[in-house]
Amino acid sequence: MAHVGNDGALRSSLIWLAVVMVIVGVCTQSLTKIMVTYVVGILGIAGILLPDWDFFDRDFSRWCYPVTAEERASAVAQRQVSLLRRYRIYPVRLVVYTIIYGFALYKWWMFVSN
């Protein structure tokens, strides 16, 4: 479930994606490269902004079970306490996202620059 606070982030991400698409279009004159840029950008935005982070911020062993009302209430309370506490850094998540997005950006760049 997307939160109201993500609307602004989603809107600005889509605007930046449109800017990148225009730059790719002007530089390459290729509709295919523009569309690949669009698909990679949308998948990247969706991977960061759309997941239910309240679900994934729980202990890993709890991922197989639905979020309980107590866990959801705790997540809402944490969100209201501090915005910085909401965005905790998890090393495994950081490594996985860096590998996946780094590889995707590399492949996109190799496709667009050829």
PDB file of N, CA and C in Angstrom:
ATOM      1  N   MET A   1       0.847  -1.172   0.000  1.00  0.00           N
ATOM      2  CA  MET A   1       0.000   0.000   0.000  1.00  0.00           C
ATOM      3  C   MET A   1       0.895   1.238   0.000  1.00  0.00           C
ATOM      4  N   ALA A   2       0.712   2.133  -0.947  1.00  0.00           N
ATOM      5  CA  ALA A   2       1.490   3.359  -1.013  1.00  0.00           C
ATOM      6  C   ALA A   2       0.966   4.352   0.016  1.00  0.00           C
ATOM      7  N   HIS A   3       1.887   5.051   0.616  1.00  0.00           N
ATOM      8  CA  HIS A   3       1.504   6.040   1.623  1.00  0.00           C
ATOM      9  C   HIS A   3       1.414   7.408   0.978  1.00  0.00           C
ATOM     10  N   VAL A   4       0.693   8.307   1.622  1.00  0.00           N
ATOM     11  CA  VAL A   4       0.498   9.654   1.092  1.00  0.00           C
ATOM     12  C   VAL A   4       1.834  10.354   0.893  1.00  0.00           C
ATOM     13  N   GLY A   5       2.791  10.118   1.790  1.00  0.00           N
ATOM     14  CA  GLY A   5       4.101  10.742   1.688  1.00  0.00           C
ATOM     15  C   GLY A   5       4.861  10.319   0.444  1.00  0.00           C
ATOM     16  N   ASN A   6       4.523   9.161  -0.126  1.00  0.00           N
ATOM     17  CA  ASN A   6       5.202   8.679  -1.317  1.00  0.00           C
ATOM     18  C   ASN A   6       4.680   9.322  -2.595  1.00  0.00           C
ATOM     19  N   ASP A   7       3.548   9.998  -2.535  1.00  0.00           N
ATOM     20  CA  ASP A   7       2.993  10.618  -3.737  1.00  0.00           C
ATOM     21  C   ASP A   7       3.945  11.650  -4.322  1.00  0.00           C
ATOM     22  N   GLY A   8       4.518  12.476  -3.477  1.00  0.00           N
ATOM     23  CA  GLY A   8       5.463  13.485  -3.951  1.00  0.00           C
ATOM     24  C   GLY A   8       6.716  12.853  -4.520  1.00  0.00           C
ATOM     25  N   ALA A   9       7.217  11.810  -3.870  1.00  0.00           N
ATOM     26  CA  ALA A   9       8.403  11.112  -4.361  1.00  0.00           C
ATOM     27  C   ALA A   9       8.108  10.433  -5.694  1.00  0.00           C
ATOM     28  N   LEU A  10       6.942   9.826  -5.817  1.00  0.00           N
ATOM     29  CA  LEU A  10       6.560   9.179  -7.066  1.00  0.00           C
ATOM     30  C   LEU A  10       6.438  10.206  -8.182  1.00  0.00           C
ATOM     31  N   ARG A  11       5.792  11.314  -7.888  1.00  0.00           N
ATOM     32  CA  ARG A  11       5.612  12.362  -8.894  1.00  0.00           C
ATOM     33  C   ARG A  11       6.962  12.904  -9.371  1.00  0.00           C
ATOM     34  N   SER A  12       7.859  13.209  -8.447  1.00  0.00           N
ATOM     35  CA  SER A  12       9.161  13.752  -8.851  1.00  0.00           C
ATOM     36  C   SER A  12      10.003  12.700  -9.572  1.00  0.00           C
ATOM     37  N   SER A  13       9.885  11.427  -9.174  1.00  0.00           N
ATOM     38  CA  SER A  13      10.612  10.362  -9.873  1.00  0.00           C
ATOM     39  C   SER A  13      10.135  10.230 -11.311  1.00  0.00           C
ATOM     40  N   LEU A  14       8.842  10.319 -11.519  1.00  0.00           N
ATOM     41  CA  LEU A  14       8.301  10.227 -12.877  1.00  0.00           C
ATOM     42  C   LEU A  14       8.708  11.431 -13.725  1.00  0.00           C
ATOM     43  N   ILE A  15       8.785  12.595 -13.117  1.00  0.00           N
ATOM     44  CA  ILE A  15       9.236  13.779 -13.853  1.00  0.00           C
ATOM     45  C   ILE A  15      10.698  13.624 -14.263  1.00  0.00           C
ATOM     46  N   TRP A  16      11.544  13.135 -13.335  1.00  0.00           N
ATOM     47  CA  TRP A  16      12.955  12.920 -13.666  1.00  0.00           C
ATOM     48  C   TRP A  16      13.107  11.839 -14.732  1.00  0.00           C
ATOM     49  N   LEU A  17      12.269  10.824 -14.680  1.00  0.00           N
ATOM     50  CA  LEU A  17      12.304   9.797 -15.719  1.00  0.00           C
ATOM     51  C   LEU A  17      11.956  10.407 -17.076  1.00  0.00           C
ATOM     52  N   ALA A  18      10.965  11.276 -17.112  1.00  0.00           N
ATOM     53  CA  ALA A  18      10.592  11.943 -18.366  1.00  0.00           C
ATOM     54  C   ALA A  18      11.750  12.796 -18.890  1.00  0.00           C
ATOM     55  N   VAL A  19      12.451  13.485 -18.000  1.00  0.00           N
ATOM     56  CA  VAL A  19      13.602  14.297 -18.402  1.00  0.00           C
ATOM     57  C   VAL A  19      14.694  13.409 -19.009  1.00  0.00           C
ATOM     58  N   VAL A  20      14.978  12.287 -18.356  1.00  0.00           N
ATOM     59  CA  VAL A  20      15.992  11.357 -18.875  1.00  0.00           C
ATOM     60  C   VAL A  20      15.555  10.802 -20.225  1.00  0.00           C
ATOM     61  N   MET A  21      14.272  10.496 -20.369  1.00  0.00           N
ATOM     62  CA  MET A  21      13.771   9.989 -21.648  1.00  0.00           C
ATOM     63  C   MET A  21      13.942  11.024 -22.758  1.00  0.00           C
ATOM     64  N   VAL A  22      13.684  12.280 -22.465  1.00  0.00           N
ATOM     65  CA  VAL A  22      13.859  13.342 -23.465  1.00  0.00           C
ATOM     66  C   VAL A  22      15.332  13.464 -23.850  1.00  0.00           C
ATOM     67  N   ILE A  23      16.219  13.410 -22.857  1.00  0.00           N
ATOM     68  CA  ILE A  23      17.657  13.501 -23.144  1.00  0.00           C
ATOM     69  C   ILE A  23      18.111  12.326 -24.004  1.00  0.00           C
ATOM     70  N   VAL A  24      17.667  11.120 -23.654  1.00  0.00           N
ATOM     71  CA  VAL A  24      18.014   9.934 -24.454  1.00  0.00           C
ATOM     72  C   VAL A  24      17.458  10.085 -25.862  1.00  0.00           C
ATOM     73  N   GLY A  25      16.243  10.577 -25.990  1.00  0.00           N
ATOM     74  CA  GLY A  25      15.641  10.757 -27.316  1.00  0.00           C
ATOM     75  C   GLY A  25      16.382  11.763 -28.162  1.00  0.00           C
ATOM     76  N   VAL A  26      16.765  12.869 -27.554  1.00  0.00           N
ATOM     77  CA  VAL A  26      17.479  13.911 -28.303  1.00  0.00           C
ATOM     78  C   VAL A  26      18.868  13.426 -28.716  1.00  0.00           C
ATOM     79  N   CYS A  27      19.544  12.723 -27.802  1.00  0.00           N
ATOM     80  CA  CYS A  27      20.912  12.277 -28.085  1.00  0.00           C
ATOM     81  C   CYS A  27      20.982  11.080 -29.024  1.00  0.00           C
ATOM     82  N   THR A  28      20.015  10.171 -28.962  1.00  0.00           N
ATOM     83  CA  THR A  28      20.113   8.940 -29.749  1.00  0.00           C
ATOM     84  C   THR A  28      19.179   8.897 -30.950  1.00  0.00           C
ATOM     85  N   GLN A  29      18.127   9.691 -30.951  1.00  0.00           N
ATOM     86  CA  GLN A  29      17.138   9.673 -32.031  1.00  0.00           C
ATOM     87  C   GLN A  29      16.576   8.264 -32.244  1.00  0.00           C
ATOM     88  N   SER A  30      16.372   7.521 -31.135  1.00  0.00           N
ATOM     89  CA  SER A  30      15.909   6.143 -31.234  1.00  0.00           C
ATOM     90  C   SER A  30      14.712   5.931 -30.316  1.00  0.00           C
ATOM     91  N   LEU A  31      13.578   5.574 -30.924  1.00  0.00           N
ATOM     92  CA  LEU A  31      12.382   5.294 -30.142  1.00  0.00           C
ATOM     93  C   LEU A  31      12.577   4.046 -29.274  1.00  0.00           C
ATOM     94  N   THR A  32      13.305   3.066 -29.777  1.00  0.00           N
ATOM     95  CA  THR A  32      13.572   1.848 -29.006  1.00  0.00           C
ATOM     96  C   THR A  32      14.335   2.169 -27.725  1.00  0.00           C
ATOM     97  N   LYS A  33      15.353   3.008 -27.823  1.00  0.00           N
ATOM     98  CA  LYS A  33      16.143   3.368 -26.639  1.00  0.00           C
ATOM     99  C   LYS A  33      15.331   4.203 -25.651  1.00  0.00           C
ATOM    100  N   ILE A  34      14.414   5.013 -26.159  1.00  0.00           N
ATOM    101  CA  ILE A  34      13.523   5.768 -25.279  1.00  0.00           C
ATOM    102  C   ILE A  34      12.610   4.808 -24.528  1.00  0.00           C
ATOM    103  N   MET A  35      12.058   3.831 -25.217  1.00  0.00           N
ATOM    104  CA  MET A  35      11.147   2.877 -24.572  1.00  0.00           C
ATOM    105  C   MET A  35      11.879   1.994 -23.568  1.00  0.00           C
ATOM    106  N   VAL A  36      13.106   1.579 -23.874  1.00  0.00           N
ATOM    107  CA  VAL A  36      13.898   0.794 -22.912  1.00  0.00           C
ATOM    108  C   VAL A  36      14.188   1.640 -21.684  1.00  0.00           C
ATOM    109  N   THR A  37      14.490   2.911 -21.888  1.00  0.00           N
ATOM    110  CA  THR A  37      14.716   3.821 -20.764  1.00  0.00           C
ATOM    111  C   THR A  37      13.462   3.934 -19.916  1.00  0.00           C
ATOM    112  N   TYR A  38      12.315   4.021 -20.553  1.00  0.00           N
ATOM    113  CA  TYR A  38      11.047   4.097 -19.827  1.00  0.00           C
ATOM    114  C   TYR A  38      10.812   2.837 -18.992  1.00  0.00           C
ATOM    115  N   VAL A  39      10.981   1.661 -19.590  1.00  0.00           N
ATOM    116  CA  VAL A  39      10.728   0.400 -18.883  1.00  0.00           C
ATOM    117  C   VAL A  39      11.697   0.228 -17.716  1.00  0.00           C
ATOM    118  N   VAL A  40      12.985   0.471 -17.946  1.00  0.00           N
ATOM    119  CA  VAL A  40      13.975   0.345 -16.869  1.00  0.00           C
ATOM    120  C   VAL A  40      13.665   1.352 -15.755  1.00  0.00           C
ATOM    121  N   GLY A  41      13.308   2.568 -16.124  1.00  0.00           N
ATOM    122  CA  GLY A  41      12.989   3.587 -15.130  1.00  0.00           C
ATOM    123  C   GLY A  41      11.762   3.242 -14.306  1.00  0.00           C
ATOM    124  N   ILE A  42      10.710   2.792 -14.957  1.00  0.00           N
ATOM    125  CA  ILE A  42       9.479   2.421 -14.239  1.00  0.00           C
ATOM    126  C   ILE A  42       9.740   1.249 -13.304  1.00  0.00           C
ATOM    127  N   LEU A  43      10.479   0.242 -13.770  1.00  0.00           N
ATOM    128  CA  LEU A  43      10.802  -0.893 -12.896  1.00  0.00           C
ATOM    129  C   LEU A  43      11.651  -0.454 -11.706  1.00  0.00           C
ATOM    130  N   GLY A  44      12.600   0.449 -11.943  1.00  0.00           N
ATOM    131  CA  GLY A  44      13.423   0.960 -10.853  1.00  0.00           C
ATOM    132  C   GLY A  44      12.617   1.751  -9.840  1.00  0.00           C
ATOM    133  N   ILE A  45      11.748   2.613 -10.314  1.00  0.00           N
ATOM    134  CA  ILE A  45      10.891   3.404  -9.427  1.00  0.00           C
ATOM    135  C   ILE A  45       9.960   2.488  -8.645  1.00  0.00           C
ATOM    136  N   ALA A  46       9.373   1.515  -9.330  1.00  0.00           N
ATOM    137  CA  ALA A  46       8.455   0.593  -8.663  1.00  0.00           C
ATOM    138  C   ALA A  46       9.164  -0.237  -7.601  1.00  0.00           C
ATOM    139  N   GLY A  47      10.402  -0.611  -7.860  1.00  0.00           N
ATOM    140  CA  GLY A  47      11.150  -1.412  -6.897  1.00  0.00           C
ATOM    141  C   GLY A  47      11.487  -0.677  -5.624  1.00  0.00           C
ATOM    142  N   ILE A  48      11.573   0.630  -5.699  1.00  0.00           N
ATOM    143  CA  ILE A  48      11.924   1.416  -4.512  1.00  0.00           C
ATOM    144  C   ILE A  48      10.691   1.976  -3.823  1.00  0.00           C
ATOM    145  N   LEU A  49       9.737   2.502  -4.571  1.00  0.00           N
ATOM    146  CA  LEU A  49       8.625   3.223  -3.957  1.00  0.00           C
ATOM    147  C   LEU A  49       7.392   2.380  -3.663  1.00  0.00           C
ATOM    148  N   LEU A  50       7.177   1.284  -4.366  1.00  0.00           N
ATOM    149  CA  LEU A  50       5.927   0.560  -4.203  1.00  0.00           C
ATOM    150  C   LEU A  50       5.898  -0.530  -3.134  1.00  0.00           C
ATOM    151  N   PRO A  51       7.033  -1.156  -2.772  1.00  0.00           N
ATOM    152  CA  PRO A  51       6.926  -2.222  -1.758  1.00  0.00           C
ATOM    153  C   PRO A  51       6.350  -1.718  -0.437  1.00  0.00           C
ATOM    154  N   ASP A  52       5.681  -2.610   0.246  1.00  0.00           N
ATOM    155  CA  ASP A  52       5.129  -2.311   1.562  1.00  0.00           C
ATOM    156  C   ASP A  52       6.254  -2.440   2.583  1.00  0.00           C
ATOM    157  N   TRP A  53       6.960  -1.332   2.842  1.00  0.00           N
ATOM    158  CA  TRP A  53       8.137  -1.389   3.709  1.00  0.00           C
ATOM    159  C   TRP A  53       7.765  -1.768   5.133  1.00  0.00           C
ATOM    160  N   ASP A  54       6.539  -1.499   5.562  1.00  0.00           N
ATOM    161  CA  ASP A  54       6.124  -1.943   6.893  1.00  0.00           C
ATOM    162  C   ASP A  54       6.182  -3.462   6.984  1.00  0.00           C
ATOM    163  N   PHE A  55       5.878  -4.139   5.892  1.00  0.00           N
ATOM    164  CA  PHE A  55       5.951  -5.593   5.849  1.00  0.00           C
ATOM    165  C   PHE A  55       7.407  -6.054   5.907  1.00  0.00           C
ATOM    166  N   PHE A  56       8.278  -5.453   5.105  1.00  0.00           N
ATOM    167  CA  PHE A  56       9.669  -5.893   5.004  1.00  0.00           C
ATOM    168  C   PHE A  56      10.541  -5.406   6.152  1.00  0.00           C
ATOM    169  N   ASP A  57      10.109  -4.398   6.900  1.00  0.00           N
ATOM    170  CA  ASP A  57      10.896  -3.903   8.031  1.00  0.00           C
ATOM    171  C   ASP A  57      10.786  -4.798   9.256  1.00  0.00           C
ATOM    172  N   ARG A  58      10.000  -5.844   9.160  1.00  0.00           N
ATOM    173  CA  ARG A  58       9.889  -6.799  10.262  1.00  0.00           C
ATOM    174  C   ARG A  58      11.064  -7.764  10.226  1.00  0.00           C
ATOM    175  N   ASP A  59      11.173  -8.574  11.266  1.00  0.00           N
ATOM    176  CA  ASP A  59      12.181  -9.616  11.304  1.00  0.00           C
ATOM    177  C   ASP A  59      11.986 -10.551  10.106  1.00  0.00           C
ATOM    178  N   PHE A  60      13.080 -11.015   9.531  1.00  0.00           N
ATOM    179  CA  PHE A  60      13.025 -11.847   8.336  1.00  0.00           C
ATOM    180  C   PHE A  60      12.178 -13.104   8.543  1.00  0.00           C
ATOM    181  N   SER A  61      12.231 -13.665   9.731  1.00  0.00           N
ATOM    182  CA  SER A  61      11.469 -14.881  10.006  1.00  0.00           C
ATOM    183  C   SER A  61       9.957 -14.646   9.967  1.00  0.00           C
ATOM    184  N   ARG A  62       9.511 -13.404  10.056  1.00  0.00           N
ATOM    185  CA  ARG A  62       8.082 -13.068  10.042  1.00  0.00           C
ATOM    186  C   ARG A  62       7.546 -12.801   8.632  1.00  0.00           C
ATOM    187  N   TRP A  63       8.411 -12.810   7.607  1.00  0.00           N
ATOM    188  CA  TRP A  63       7.976 -12.489   6.253  1.00  0.00           C
ATOM    189  C   TRP A  63       6.984 -13.498   5.694  1.00  0.00           C
ATOM    190  N   CYS A  64       6.944 -14.694   6.212  1.00  0.00           N
ATOM    191  CA  CYS A  64       6.013 -15.715   5.706  1.00  0.00           C
ATOM    192  C   CYS A  64       4.612 -15.546   6.280  1.00  0.00           C
ATOM    193  N   TYR A  65       4.439 -14.627   7.207  1.00  0.00           N
ATOM    194  CA  TYR A  65       3.157 -14.433   7.888  1.00  0.00           C
ATOM    195  C   TYR A  65       2.614 -13.042   7.602  1.00  0.00           C
ATOM    196  N   PRO A  66       1.301 -12.888   7.593  1.00  0.00           N
ATOM    197  CA  PRO A  66       0.714 -11.563   7.379  1.00  0.00           C
ATOM    198  C   PRO A  66       1.095 -10.602   8.504  1.00  0.00           C
ATOM    199  N   VAL A  67       1.032  -9.321   8.187  1.00  0.00           N
ATOM    200  CA  VAL A  67       1.308  -8.291   9.193  1.00  0.00           C
ATOM    201  C   VAL A  67       0.141  -8.260  10.168  1.00  0.00           C
ATOM    202  N   THR A  68       0.469  -8.337  11.446  1.00  0.00           N
ATOM    203  CA  THR A  68      -0.582  -8.290  12.456  1.00  0.00           C
ATOM    204  C   THR A  68      -0.998  -6.849  12.704  1.00  0.00           C
ATOM    205  N   ALA A  69      -2.130  -6.683  13.350  1.00  0.00           N
ATOM    206  CA  ALA A  69      -2.614  -5.329  13.669  1.00  0.00           C
ATOM    207  C   ALA A  69      -1.621  -4.615  14.586  1.00  0.00           C
ATOM    208  N   GLU A  70      -1.020  -5.353  15.512  1.00  0.00           N
ATOM    209  CA  GLU A  70      -0.040  -4.738  16.420  1.00  0.00           C
ATOM    210  C   GLU A  70       1.196  -4.258  15.660  1.00  0.00           C
ATOM    211  N   GLU A  71       1.668  -5.073  14.696  1.00  0.00           N
ATOM    212  CA  GLU A  71       2.840  -4.672  13.909  1.00  0.00           C
ATOM    213  C   GLU A  71       2.522  -3.449  13.052  1.00  0.00           C
ATOM    214  N   ARG A  72       1.327  -3.420  12.466  1.00  0.00           N
ATOM    215  CA  ARG A  72       0.929  -2.272  11.638  1.00  0.00           C
ATOM    216  C   ARG A  72       0.815  -1.015  12.493  1.00  0.00           C
ATOM    217  N   ALA A  73       0.225  -1.139  13.699  1.00  0.00           N
ATOM    218  CA  ALA A  73       0.103   0.013  14.601  1.00  0.00           C
ATOM    219  C   ALA A  73       1.475   0.495  15.042  1.00  0.00           C
ATOM    220  N   SER A  74       2.389  -0.432  15.291  1.00  0.00           N
ATOM    221  CA  SER A  74       3.749  -0.060  15.680  1.00  0.00           C
ATOM    222  C   SER A  74       4.456   0.684  14.551  1.00  0.00           C
ATOM    223  N   ALA A  75       4.259   0.228  13.312  1.00  0.00           N
ATOM    224  CA  ALA A  75       4.872   0.898  12.165  1.00  0.00           C
ATOM    225  C   ALA A  75       4.318   2.306  11.987  1.00  0.00           C
ATOM    226  N   VAL A  76       3.012   2.466  12.182  1.00  0.00           N
ATOM    227  CA  VAL A  76       2.400   3.793  12.071  1.00  0.00           C
ATOM    228  C   VAL A  76       2.940   4.711  13.150  1.00  0.00           C
ATOM    229  N   ALA A  77       3.076   4.195  14.365  1.00  0.00           N
ATOM    230  CA  ALA A  77       3.608   4.999  15.469  1.00  0.00           C
ATOM    231  C   ALA A  77       5.054   5.403  15.204  1.00  0.00           C
ATOM    232  N   GLN A  78       5.857   4.493  14.656  1.00  0.00           N
ATOM    233  CA  GLN A  78       7.250   4.819  14.343  1.00  0.00           C
ATOM    234  C   GLN A  78       7.328   5.880  13.255  1.00  0.00           C
ATOM    235  N   ARG A  79       6.438   5.801  12.271  1.00  0.00           N
ATOM    236  CA  ARG A  79       6.427   6.776  11.196  1.00  0.00           C
ATOM    237  C   ARG A  79       6.113   8.172  11.710  1.00  0.00           C
ATOM    238  N   GLN A  80       5.244   8.242  12.716  1.00  0.00           N
ATOM    239  CA  GLN A  80       4.856   9.539  13.262  1.00  0.00           C
ATOM    240  C   GLN A  80       5.932  10.106  14.182  1.00  0.00           C
ATOM    241  N   VAL A  81       6.747   9.234  14.793  1.00  0.00           N
ATOM    242  CA  VAL A  81       7.778   9.699  15.725  1.00  0.00           C
ATOM    243  C   VAL A  81       8.875  10.450  14.984  1.00  0.00           C
ATOM    244  N   SER A  82       9.437   9.822  13.973  1.00  0.00           N
ATOM    245  CA  SER A  82      10.560  10.445  13.299  1.00  0.00           C
ATOM    246  C   SER A  82      10.664   9.932  11.876  1.00  0.00           C
ATOM    247  N   LEU A  83      10.852  10.845  10.958  1.00  0.00           N
ATOM    248  CA  LEU A  83      11.004  10.462   9.565  1.00  0.00           C
ATOM    249  C   LEU A  83      12.330   9.741   9.350  1.00  0.00           C
ATOM    250  N   LEU A  84      13.379  10.152  10.074  1.00  0.00           N
ATOM    251  CA  LEU A  84      14.681   9.521   9.912  1.00  0.00           C
ATOM    252  C   LEU A  84      14.677   8.080  10.408  1.00  0.00           C
ATOM    253  N   ARG A  85      13.925   7.777  11.448  1.00  0.00           N
ATOM    254  CA  ARG A  85      13.871   6.411  11.957  1.00  0.00           C
ATOM    255  C   ARG A  85      13.146   5.494  10.992  1.00  0.00           C
ATOM    256  N   ARG A  86      12.278   6.055  10.164  1.00  0.00           N
ATOM    257  CA  ARG A  86      11.542   5.243   9.203  1.00  0.00           C
ATOM    258  C   ARG A  86      12.479   4.658   8.158  1.00  0.00           C
ATOM    259  N   TYR A  87      13.488   5.392   7.761  1.00  0.00           N
ATOM    260  CA  TYR A  87      14.408   4.942   6.729  1.00  0.00           C
ATOM    261  C   TYR A  87      15.679   4.401   7.356  1.00  0.00           C
ATOM    262  N   ARG A  88      15.545   3.252   7.979  1.00  0.00           N
ATOM    263  CA  ARG A  88      16.704   2.600   8.575  1.00  0.00           C
ATOM    264  C   ARG A  88      17.520   1.940   7.469  1.00  0.00           C
ATOM    265  N   ILE A  89      18.824   1.869   7.682  1.00  0.00           N
ATOM    266  CA  ILE A  89      19.700   1.250   6.698  1.00  0.00           C
ATOM    267  C   ILE A  89      19.959  -0.189   7.126  1.00  0.00           C
ATOM    268  N   TYR A  90      19.601  -1.109   6.250  1.00  0.00           N
ATOM    269  CA  TYR A  90      19.850  -2.526   6.467  1.00  0.00           C
ATOM    270  C   TYR A  90      20.944  -2.947   5.497  1.00  0.00           C
ATOM    271  N   PRO A  91      22.066  -3.463   6.000  1.00  0.00           N
ATOM    272  CA  PRO A  91      23.193  -3.796   5.112  1.00  0.00           C
ATOM    273  C   PRO A  91      22.842  -4.785   4.002  1.00  0.00           C
ATOM    274  N   VAL A  92      22.075  -5.826   4.312  1.00  0.00           N
ATOM    275  CA  VAL A  92      21.741  -6.816   3.290  1.00  0.00           C
ATOM    276  C   VAL A  92      20.885  -6.176   2.195  1.00  0.00           C
ATOM    277  N   ARG A  93      19.895  -5.395   2.594  1.00  0.00           N
ATOM    278  CA  ARG A  93      19.048  -4.713   1.613  1.00  0.00           C
ATOM    279  C   ARG A  93      19.881  -3.763   0.760  1.00  0.00           C
ATOM    280  N   LEU A  94      20.795  -3.044   1.377  1.00  0.00           N
ATOM    281  CA  LEU A  94      21.644  -2.097   0.658  1.00  0.00           C
ATOM    282  C   LEU A  94      22.513  -2.814  -0.365  1.00  0.00           C
ATOM    283  N   VAL A  95      23.096  -3.949   0.013  1.00  0.00           N
ATOM    284  CA  VAL A  95      23.941  -4.708  -0.904  1.00  0.00           C
ATOM    285  C   VAL A  95      23.112  -5.263  -2.068  1.00  0.00           C
ATOM    286  N   VAL A  96      21.952  -5.835  -1.760  1.00  0.00           N
ATOM    287  CA  VAL A  96      21.106  -6.411  -2.807  1.00  0.00           C
ATOM    288  C   VAL A  96      20.645  -5.324  -3.780  1.00  0.00           C
ATOM    289  N   TYR A  97      20.177  -4.197  -3.253  1.00  0.00           N
ATOM    290  CA  TYR A  97      19.728  -3.112  -4.132  1.00  0.00           C
ATOM    291  C   TYR A  97      20.881  -2.556  -4.958  1.00  0.00           C
ATOM    292  N   THR A  98      22.066  -2.440  -4.362  1.00  0.00           N
ATOM    293  CA  THR A  98      23.214  -1.928  -5.103  1.00  0.00           C
ATOM    294  C   THR A  98      23.581  -2.857  -6.247  1.00  0.00           C
ATOM    295  N   ILE A  99      23.582  -4.154  -5.994  1.00  0.00           N
ATOM    296  CA  ILE A  99      23.915  -5.117  -7.050  1.00  0.00           C
ATOM    297  C   ILE A  99      22.868  -5.088  -8.160  1.00  0.00           C
ATOM    298  N   ILE A 100      21.604  -5.169  -7.796  1.00  0.00           N
ATOM    299  CA  ILE A 100      20.539  -5.233  -8.805  1.00  0.00           C
ATOM    300  C   ILE A 100      20.467  -3.941  -9.618  1.00  0.00           C
ATOM    301  N   TYR A 101      20.424  -2.804  -8.931  1.00  0.00           N
ATOM    302  CA  TYR A 101      20.293  -1.541  -9.652  1.00  0.00           C
ATOM    303  C   TYR A 101      21.579  -1.169 -10.386  1.00  0.00           C
ATOM    304  N   GLY A 102      22.723  -1.521  -9.819  1.00  0.00           N
ATOM    305  CA  GLY A 102      23.989  -1.275 -10.506  1.00  0.00           C
ATOM    306  C   GLY A 102      24.075  -2.048 -11.811  1.00  0.00           C
ATOM    307  N   PHE A 103      23.687  -3.328 -11.770  1.00  0.00           N
ATOM    308  CA  PHE A 103      23.694  -4.153 -12.975  1.00  0.00           C
ATOM    309  C   PHE A 103      22.690  -3.623 -14.006  1.00  0.00           C
ATOM    310  N   ALA A 104      21.498  -3.267 -13.547  1.00  0.00           N
ATOM    311  CA  ALA A 104      20.479  -2.747 -14.463  1.00  0.00           C
ATOM    312  C   ALA A 104      20.939  -1.444 -15.117  1.00  0.00           C
ATOM    313  N   LEU A 105      21.512  -0.551 -14.322  1.00  0.00           N
ATOM    314  CA  LEU A 105      22.006   0.708 -14.889  1.00  0.00           C
ATOM    315  C   LEU A 105      23.156   0.470 -15.862  1.00  0.00           C
ATOM    316  N   TYR A 106      24.039  -0.464 -15.550  1.00  0.00           N
ATOM    317  CA  TYR A 106      25.146  -0.790 -16.448  1.00  0.00           C
ATOM    318  C   TYR A 106      24.609  -1.304 -17.783  1.00  0.00           C
ATOM    319  N   LYS A 107      23.673  -2.270 -17.743  1.00  0.00           N
ATOM    320  CA  LYS A 107      23.116  -2.830 -18.968  1.00  0.00           C
ATOM    321  C   LYS A 107      22.351  -1.759 -19.765  1.00  0.00           C
ATOM    322  N   TRP A 108      21.603  -0.907 -19.048  1.00  0.00           N
ATOM    323  CA  TRP A 108      20.884   0.179 -19.718  1.00  0.00           C
ATOM    324  C   TRP A 108      21.868   1.122 -20.411  1.00  0.00           C
ATOM    325  N   TRP A 109      22.934   1.499 -19.714  1.00  0.00           N
ATOM    326  CA  TRP A 109      23.907   2.426 -20.265  1.00  0.00           C
ATOM    327  C   TRP A 109      24.602   1.820 -21.498  1.00  0.00           C
ATOM    328  N   MET A 110      24.942   0.533 -21.417  1.00  0.00           N
ATOM    329  CA  MET A 110      25.586  -0.119 -22.557  1.00  0.00           C
ATOM    330  C   MET A 110      24.636  -0.145 -23.767  1.00  0.00           C
ATOM    331  N   PHE A 111      23.354  -0.351 -23.516  1.00  0.00           N
ATOM    332  CA  PHE A 111      22.382  -0.370 -24.617  1.00  0.00           C
ATOM    333  C   PHE A 111      22.193   1.029 -25.206  1.00  0.00           C
ATOM    334  N   VAL A 112      22.048   2.017 -24.342  1.00  0.00           N
ATOM    335  CA  VAL A 112      21.766   3.378 -24.820  1.00  0.00           C
ATOM    336  C   VAL A 112      22.993   4.002 -25.478  1.00  0.00           C
ATOM    337  N   SER A 113      24.174   3.711 -24.969  1.00  0.00           N
ATOM    338  CA  SER A 113      25.378   4.375 -25.513  1.00  0.00           C
ATOM    339  C   SER A 113      25.876   3.736 -26.810  1.00  0.00           C
ATOM    340  N   ASN A 114      25.374   2.586 -27.189  1.00  0.00           N
ATOM    341  CA  ASN A 114      25.797   1.972 -28.461  1.00  0.00           C
ATOM    342  C   ASN A 114      25.008   2.493 -29.620  1.00  0.00           C
TER     343      ASN A 114
END
